[in-house]
C-alpha atoms as a PDB file:
ATOM      1  CA  MET A   1       3.490   9.765 -18.510  1.00  0.00           C
ATOM      2  CA  LYS A   2       3.194  12.786 -16.487  1.00  0.00           C
ATOM      3  CA  PRO A   3       4.699  12.909 -12.882  1.00  0.00           C
ATOM      4  CA  GLY A   4       1.938  12.577  -9.793  1.00  0.00           C
ATOM      5  CA  HIS A   5       0.475   9.131 -11.869  1.00  0.00           C
ATOM      6  CA  ILE A   6      -1.632   7.133  -9.427  1.00  0.00           C
ATOM      7  CA  ILE A   7      -2.025   3.360 -10.066  1.00  0.00           C
ATOM      8  CA  LEU A   8      -4.869   1.957  -7.882  1.00  0.00           C
ATOM      9  CA  LEU A   9      -4.132  -1.759  -7.650  1.00  0.00           C
ATOM     10  CA  CYS A  10      -7.812  -3.142  -6.787  1.00  0.00           C
ATOM     11  CA  GLY A  11      -8.321  -6.561  -5.369  1.00  0.00           C
ATOM     12  CA  SER A  12     -10.196  -8.544  -2.335  1.00  0.00           C
ATOM     13  CA  SER A  13      -8.767  -9.199   0.945  1.00  0.00           C
ATOM     14  CA  GLY A  14      -6.198 -12.167  -0.428  1.00  0.00           C
ATOM     15  CA  ALA A  15      -5.932 -11.378  -3.781  1.00  0.00           C
ATOM     16  CA  GLY A  16      -2.373 -10.909  -3.638  1.00  0.00           C
ATOM     17  CA  LYS A  17      -2.010  -6.885  -4.047  1.00  0.00           C
ATOM     18  CA  THR A  18       0.705  -6.587  -1.182  1.00  0.00           C
ATOM     19  CA  THR A  19       2.687  -9.795  -2.662  1.00  0.00           C
ATOM     20  CA  THR A  20       2.573  -8.152  -6.198  1.00  0.00           C
ATOM     21  CA  LEU A  21       4.032  -4.976  -4.807  1.00  0.00           C
ATOM     22  CA  LEU A  22       6.586  -6.798  -2.583  1.00  0.00           C
ATOM     23  CA  LYS A  23       7.585  -8.421  -5.775  1.00  0.00           C
ATOM     24  CA  LEU A  24       7.514  -5.295  -7.855  1.00  0.00           C
ATOM     25  CA  LEU A  25      10.199  -3.629  -5.446  1.00  0.00           C
ATOM     26  CA  GLU A  26      12.344  -6.347  -5.559  1.00  0.00           C
ATOM     27  CA  SER A  27      12.576  -6.380  -9.207  1.00  0.00           C
ATOM     28  CA  LEU A  28      13.213  -2.578  -9.430  1.00  0.00           C
ATOM     29  CA  LYS A  29      16.154  -2.558  -6.587  1.00  0.00           C
ATOM     30  CA  SER A  30      18.770  -2.532  -9.598  1.00  0.00           C
ATOM     31  CA  HIS A  31      17.446   0.131 -11.332  1.00  0.00           C
ATOM     32  CA  ASN A  32      18.803   2.948  -8.942  1.00  0.00           C
ATOM     33  CA  LEU A  33      15.008   4.357  -8.055  1.00  0.00           C
ATOM     34  CA  ASP A  34      13.937   6.241  -4.976  1.00  0.00           C
ATOM     35  CA  CYS A  35      11.629   4.104  -4.054  1.00  0.00           C
ATOM     36  CA  ARG A  36       9.553   5.213  -0.559  1.00  0.00           C
ATOM     37  CA  GLY A  37       6.330   4.610   1.487  1.00  0.00           C
ATOM     38  CA  VAL A  38       4.893   1.664   3.338  1.00  0.00           C
ATOM     39  CA  LEU A  39       3.835  -1.878   2.246  1.00  0.00           C
ATOM     40  CA  CYS A  40       1.993  -3.877   4.742  1.00  0.00           C
ATOM     41  CA  PRO A  41       3.032  -7.614   4.660  1.00  0.00           C
ATOM     42  CA  PRO A  42       0.905 -10.382   5.938  1.00  0.00           C
ATOM     43  CA  GLY A  43       2.464 -12.654   8.633  1.00  0.00           C
ATOM     44  CA  PHE A  44       1.369 -16.404   8.469  1.00  0.00           C
ATOM     45  CA  THR A  45       1.343 -19.159  11.023  1.00  0.00           C
ATOM     46  CA  LYS A  46       1.024 -22.445   9.175  1.00  0.00           C
ATOM     47  CA  ALA A  47      -1.422 -21.807   6.492  1.00  0.00           C
ATOM     48  CA  ASP A  48      -3.291 -19.103   8.773  1.00  0.00           C
ATOM     49  CA  LYS A  49      -2.628 -15.177   8.394  1.00  0.00           C
ATOM     50  CA  THR A  50      -2.351 -14.318  11.820  1.00  0.00           C
ATOM     51  CA  HIS A  51      -0.644 -10.739  11.833  1.00  0.00           C
ATOM     52  CA  ILE A  52      -0.001  -7.763   9.421  1.00  0.00           C
ATOM     53  CA  GLU A  53       3.493  -6.060   9.335  1.00  0.00           C
ATOM     54  CA  ILE A  54       4.699  -2.538   8.159  1.00  0.00           C
ATOM     55  CA  MET A  55       7.587  -2.249   6.265  1.00  0.00           C
ATOM     56  CA  ASP A  56       9.482   1.483   5.352  1.00  0.00           C
ATOM     57  CA  VAL A  57       9.973   0.743   1.569  1.00  0.00           C
ATOM     58  CA  ALA A  58      13.149   3.047   1.783  1.00  0.00           C
ATOM     59  CA  SER A  59      14.917   1.131   4.456  1.00  0.00           C
ATOM     60  CA  ASN A  60      13.138  -2.208   4.644  1.00  0.00           C
ATOM     61  CA  GLU A  61      12.779  -1.790   8.389  1.00  0.00           C
ATOM     62  CA  LYS A  62       9.599  -3.189   9.782  1.00  0.00           C
ATOM     63  CA  GLN A  63       7.226  -3.419  12.542  1.00  0.00           C
ATOM     64  CA  LEU A  64       4.272  -5.608  13.737  1.00  0.00           C
ATOM     65  CA  LEU A  65       1.122  -3.235  12.612  1.00  0.00           C
ATOM     66  CA  ALA A  66      -1.642  -5.625  13.514  1.00  0.00           C
ATOM     67  CA  GLU A  67      -2.572  -8.892  14.839  1.00  0.00           C
ATOM     68  CA  LEU A  68      -6.144 -10.742  14.970  1.00  0.00           C
ATOM     69  CA  ASN A  69      -8.755  -8.908  16.954  1.00  0.00           C
ATOM     70  CA  ARG A  70      -9.704 -11.581  19.410  1.00  0.00           C
ATOM     71  CA  ASP A  71     -11.173  -9.510  21.745  1.00  0.00           C
ATOM     72  CA  GLN A  72     -13.206  -7.342  19.076  1.00  0.00           C
ATOM     73  CA  THR A  73     -11.951  -4.139  20.414  1.00  0.00           C
ATOM     74  CA  THR A  74     -13.482  -1.359  18.344  1.00  0.00           C
ATOM     75  CA  ARG A  75     -10.348   1.247  18.960  1.00  0.00           C
ATOM     76  CA  LEU A  76      -8.307   1.557  15.990  1.00  0.00           C
ATOM     77  CA  ALA A  77      -9.636  -2.001  14.740  1.00  0.00           C
ATOM     78  CA  THR A  78     -11.474  -3.702  12.258  1.00  0.00           C
ATOM     79  CA  THR A  79     -13.544  -6.791  13.233  1.00  0.00           C
ATOM     80  CA  THR A  80     -10.813  -8.739  11.909  1.00  0.00           C
ATOM     81  CA  TRP A  81      -7.361  -6.845  12.750  1.00  0.00           C
ATOM     82  CA  LYS A  82      -6.390  -5.004  16.051  1.00  0.00           C
ATOM     83  CA  LEU A  83      -3.822  -2.154  15.182  1.00  0.00           C
ATOM     84  CA  ASP A  84      -0.915  -1.406  17.399  1.00  0.00           C
ATOM     85  CA  PRO A  85      -1.072   2.466  17.533  1.00  0.00           C
ATOM     86  CA  ALA A  86       2.829   3.254  18.019  1.00  0.00           C
ATOM     87  CA  ALA A  87       3.324   1.376  14.534  1.00  0.00           C
ATOM     88  CA  VAL A  88       0.316   3.079  12.909  1.00  0.00           C
ATOM     89  CA  ASP A  89       2.032   6.179  14.285  1.00  0.00           C
ATOM     90  CA  TRP A  90       5.288   5.072  12.964  1.00  0.00           C
ATOM     91  CA  GLY A  91       3.777   4.604   9.443  1.00  0.00           C
ATOM     92  CA  ASN A  92       2.525   7.681   9.207  1.00  0.00           C
ATOM     93  CA  GLN A  93       6.135   9.400   9.887  1.00  0.00           C
ATOM     94  CA  VAL A  94       7.589   7.133   7.317  1.00  0.00           C
ATOM     95  CA  LEU A  95       4.300   8.543   4.911  1.00  0.00           C
ATOM     96  CA  THR A  96       5.066  12.126   5.754  1.00  0.00           C
ATOM     97  CA  LYS A  97       8.976  11.845   4.920  1.00  0.00           C
ATOM     98  CA  SER A  98       8.335   9.781   1.821  1.00  0.00           C
ATOM     99  CA  THR A  99       7.693  12.613  -1.088  1.00  0.00           C
ATOM    100  CA  PRO A 100       9.395  13.690  -3.021  1.00  0.00           C
ATOM    101  CA  CYS A 101      10.271  10.432  -5.104  1.00  0.00           C
ATOM    102  CA  ASP A 102      10.173   8.645  -7.687  1.00  0.00           C
ATOM    103  CA  VAL A 103       8.087   5.795  -7.010  1.00  0.00           C
ATOM    104  CA  LEU A 104       5.504   5.852  -3.726  1.00  0.00           C
ATOM    105  CA  PHE A 105       4.180   3.026  -2.333  1.00  0.00           C
ATOM    106  CA  VAL A 106       0.891   3.213  -0.101  1.00  0.00           C
ATOM    107  CA  ASP A 107      -0.303  -0.182   1.111  1.00  0.00           C
ATOM    108  CA  GLU A 108      -2.920   0.200   1.953  1.00  0.00           C
ATOM    109  CA  MET A 109      -5.729   3.067   2.001  1.00  0.00           C
ATOM    110  CA  GLY A 110      -8.587   0.782   3.418  1.00  0.00           C
ATOM    111  CA  PRO A 111     -11.650   1.485   6.021  1.00  0.00           C
ATOM    112  CA  LEU A 112      -9.952   2.757   8.691  1.00  0.00           C
ATOM    113  CA  GLU A 113      -8.789   5.377   6.276  1.00  0.00           C
ATOM    114  CA  TYR A 114     -11.194   6.050   4.005  1.00  0.00           C
ATOM    115  CA  GLU A 115     -14.316   5.418   6.744  1.00  0.00           C
ATOM    116  CA  ARG A 116     -13.013   6.263  10.317  1.00  0.00           C
ATOM    117  CA  GLY A 117     -10.214   8.749   9.481  1.00  0.00           C
ATOM    118  CA  GLU A 118      -7.911   6.536  11.139  1.00  0.00           C
ATOM    119  CA  GLY A 119      -4.733   4.431  10.324  1.00  0.00           C
ATOM    120  CA  LEU A 120      -2.650   5.317   7.851  1.00  0.00           C
ATOM    121  CA  THR A 121      -4.021   8.449   6.805  1.00  0.00           C
ATOM    122  CA  GLU A 122      -0.754  10.443   5.719  1.00  0.00           C
ATOM    123  CA  GLY A 123      -0.795   8.367   2.716  1.00  0.00           C
ATOM    124  CA  PHE A 124      -3.512  10.542   1.328  1.00  0.00           C
ATOM    125  CA  LYS A 125      -1.296  13.347   2.075  1.00  0.00           C
ATOM    126  CA  ALA A 126       1.597  12.026   0.541  1.00  0.00           C
ATOM    127  CA  LEU A 127      -0.495  10.754  -2.446  1.00  0.00           C
ATOM    128  CA  GLU A 128      -2.095  14.347  -2.656  1.00  0.00           C
ATOM    129  CA  THR A 129       1.288  16.169  -2.869  1.00  0.00           C
ATOM    130  CA  ARG A 130       1.804  14.403  -6.463  1.00  0.00           C
ATOM    131  CA  ALA A 131       5.455  14.682  -5.458  1.00  0.00           C
ATOM    132  CA  PHE A 132       6.463  11.592  -7.389  1.00  0.00           C
ATOM    133  CA  GLN A 133       6.785  10.141 -10.501  1.00  0.00           C
ATOM    134  CA  LEU A 134       4.445   7.325  -9.890  1.00  0.00           C
ATOM    135  CA  SER A 135       2.589   6.002  -6.875  1.00  0.00           C
ATOM    136  CA  LEU A 136       1.131   2.237  -6.572  1.00  0.00           C
ATOM    137  CA  VAL A 137      -1.728   2.421  -4.069  1.00  0.00           C
ATOM    138  CA  THR A 138      -3.540  -0.831  -2.823  1.00  0.00           C
ATOM    139  CA  ILE A 139      -7.106  -0.711  -2.273  1.00  0.00           C
ATOM    140  CA  ARG A 140     -10.355  -2.895  -2.020  1.00  0.00           C
ATOM    141  CA  PRO A 141     -12.939  -2.815  -4.412  1.00  0.00           C
ATOM    142  CA  SER A 142     -15.649  -1.944  -1.989  1.00  0.00           C
ATOM    143  CA  LEU A 143     -13.479   1.550  -1.804  1.00  0.00           C
ATOM    144  CA  LEU A 144     -12.479   1.784  -5.359  1.00  0.00           C
ATOM    145  CA  GLU A 145     -15.467   4.138  -5.863  1.00  0.00           C
ATOM    146  CA  LYS A 146     -14.288   6.858  -3.256  1.00  0.00           C
ATOM    147  CA  ALA A 147     -10.965   6.468  -4.671  1.00  0.00           C
ATOM    148  CA  ARG A 148     -11.819   7.240  -8.101  1.00  0.00           C
ATOM    149  CA  LEU A 149     -13.519  10.257  -6.745  1.00  0.00           C
ATOM    150  CA  ARG A 150     -10.365  11.756  -4.791  1.00  0.00           C
ATOM    151  CA  TRP A 151      -8.128  10.618  -7.766  1.00  0.00           C
ATOM    152  CA  PRO A 152     -10.215  10.649 -11.169  1.00  0.00           C
ATOM    153  CA  ASP A 153      -7.188  10.152 -13.248  1.00  0.00           C
ATOM    154  CA  ALA A 154      -5.839   7.165 -11.524  1.00  0.00           C
ATOM    155  CA  GLN A 155      -5.272   4.076 -13.393  1.00  0.00           C
ATOM    156  CA  VAL A 156      -7.036   1.128 -11.922  1.00  0.00           C
ATOM    157  CA  ILE A 157      -5.527  -2.587 -12.447  1.00  0.00           C
ATOM    158  CA  GLN A 158      -7.347  -5.482 -11.071  1.00  0.00           C
ATOM    159  CA  VAL A 159      -5.100  -7.747  -8.839  1.00  0.00           C
ATOM    160  CA  ALA A 160      -5.907 -11.549  -8.680  1.00  0.00           C
ATOM    161  CA  ARG A 161      -3.840 -14.239  -7.833  1.00  0.00           C
ATOM    162  CA  GLU A 162      -3.712 -15.931 -11.239  1.00  0.00           C
ATOM    163  CA  ASN A 163      -2.575 -12.616 -12.669  1.00  0.00           C
ATOM    164  CA  GLN A 164       0.223 -11.642 -10.468  1.00  0.00           C
ATOM    165  CA  ALA A 165       3.032 -12.269 -12.801  1.00  0.00           C
ATOM    166  CA  PRO A 166       1.734 -10.300 -16.152  1.00  0.00           C
ATOM    167  CA  ILE A 167       0.799  -7.809 -13.818  1.00  0.00           C
ATOM    168  CA  ILE A 168       4.345  -7.273 -12.118  1.00  0.00           C
ATOM    169  CA  ASP A 169       5.792  -7.579 -15.982  1.00  0.00           C
ATOM    170  CA  GLN A 170       3.304  -4.706 -16.866  1.00  0.00           C
ATOM    171  CA  LEU A 171       4.155  -2.564 -13.872  1.00  0.00           C
ATOM    172  CA  ASN A 172       7.566  -3.022 -14.154  1.00  0.00           C
ATOM    173  CA  LYS A 173       7.268  -1.396 -17.946  1.00  0.00           C
ATOM    174  CA  ILE A 174       5.373   1.357 -16.472  1.00  0.00           C
ATOM    175  CA  VAL A 175       7.598   2.194 -13.293  1.00  0.00           C
ATOM    176  CA  LEU A 176      10.782   2.081 -16.055  1.00  0.00           C
ATOM    177  CA  GLY A 177       9.138   4.044 -18.625  1.00  0.00           C
ATOM    178  CA  ALA A 178       8.308   6.785 -15.840  1.00  0.00           C
ATOM    179  CA  SER A 179      11.831   7.157 -14.388  1.00  0.00           C
END
């Protein structure tokens, strides 16, 4: 695999894209790879998803990224989530310093980034440097066509709850083969 390879992990909300990447990151810790970027794990109260954190992959530092959009604000928000501007800025700073590296994580390039030019837009710049061996990017099915136009050589892996374990195995083989 040549440097700068991008894998798009595509799946609907709740399919397990972030969970898959968190498990993969954990399995890579013993391999002395320079892993950087951001992951955005969900937070739950009982069984309900109530917030989203943003995590610096290199340091494991976390901040609260988003809470439920109960007041239906539109500034830096979707219909479901209201993002904290300071956490978004912090995530963008992390992404700015993420390349070069062995494995770049960008979770997620979503509607804010693609449709409104808001959110974690430094993810686009980090990906376009191609200054990594491999990048793993989460994306929703509704944005896959736009991502494929931007990165036509990207590999697409469809993620669903029932196929997480084999995908983690597949990604481990890809990552370790690229390093």
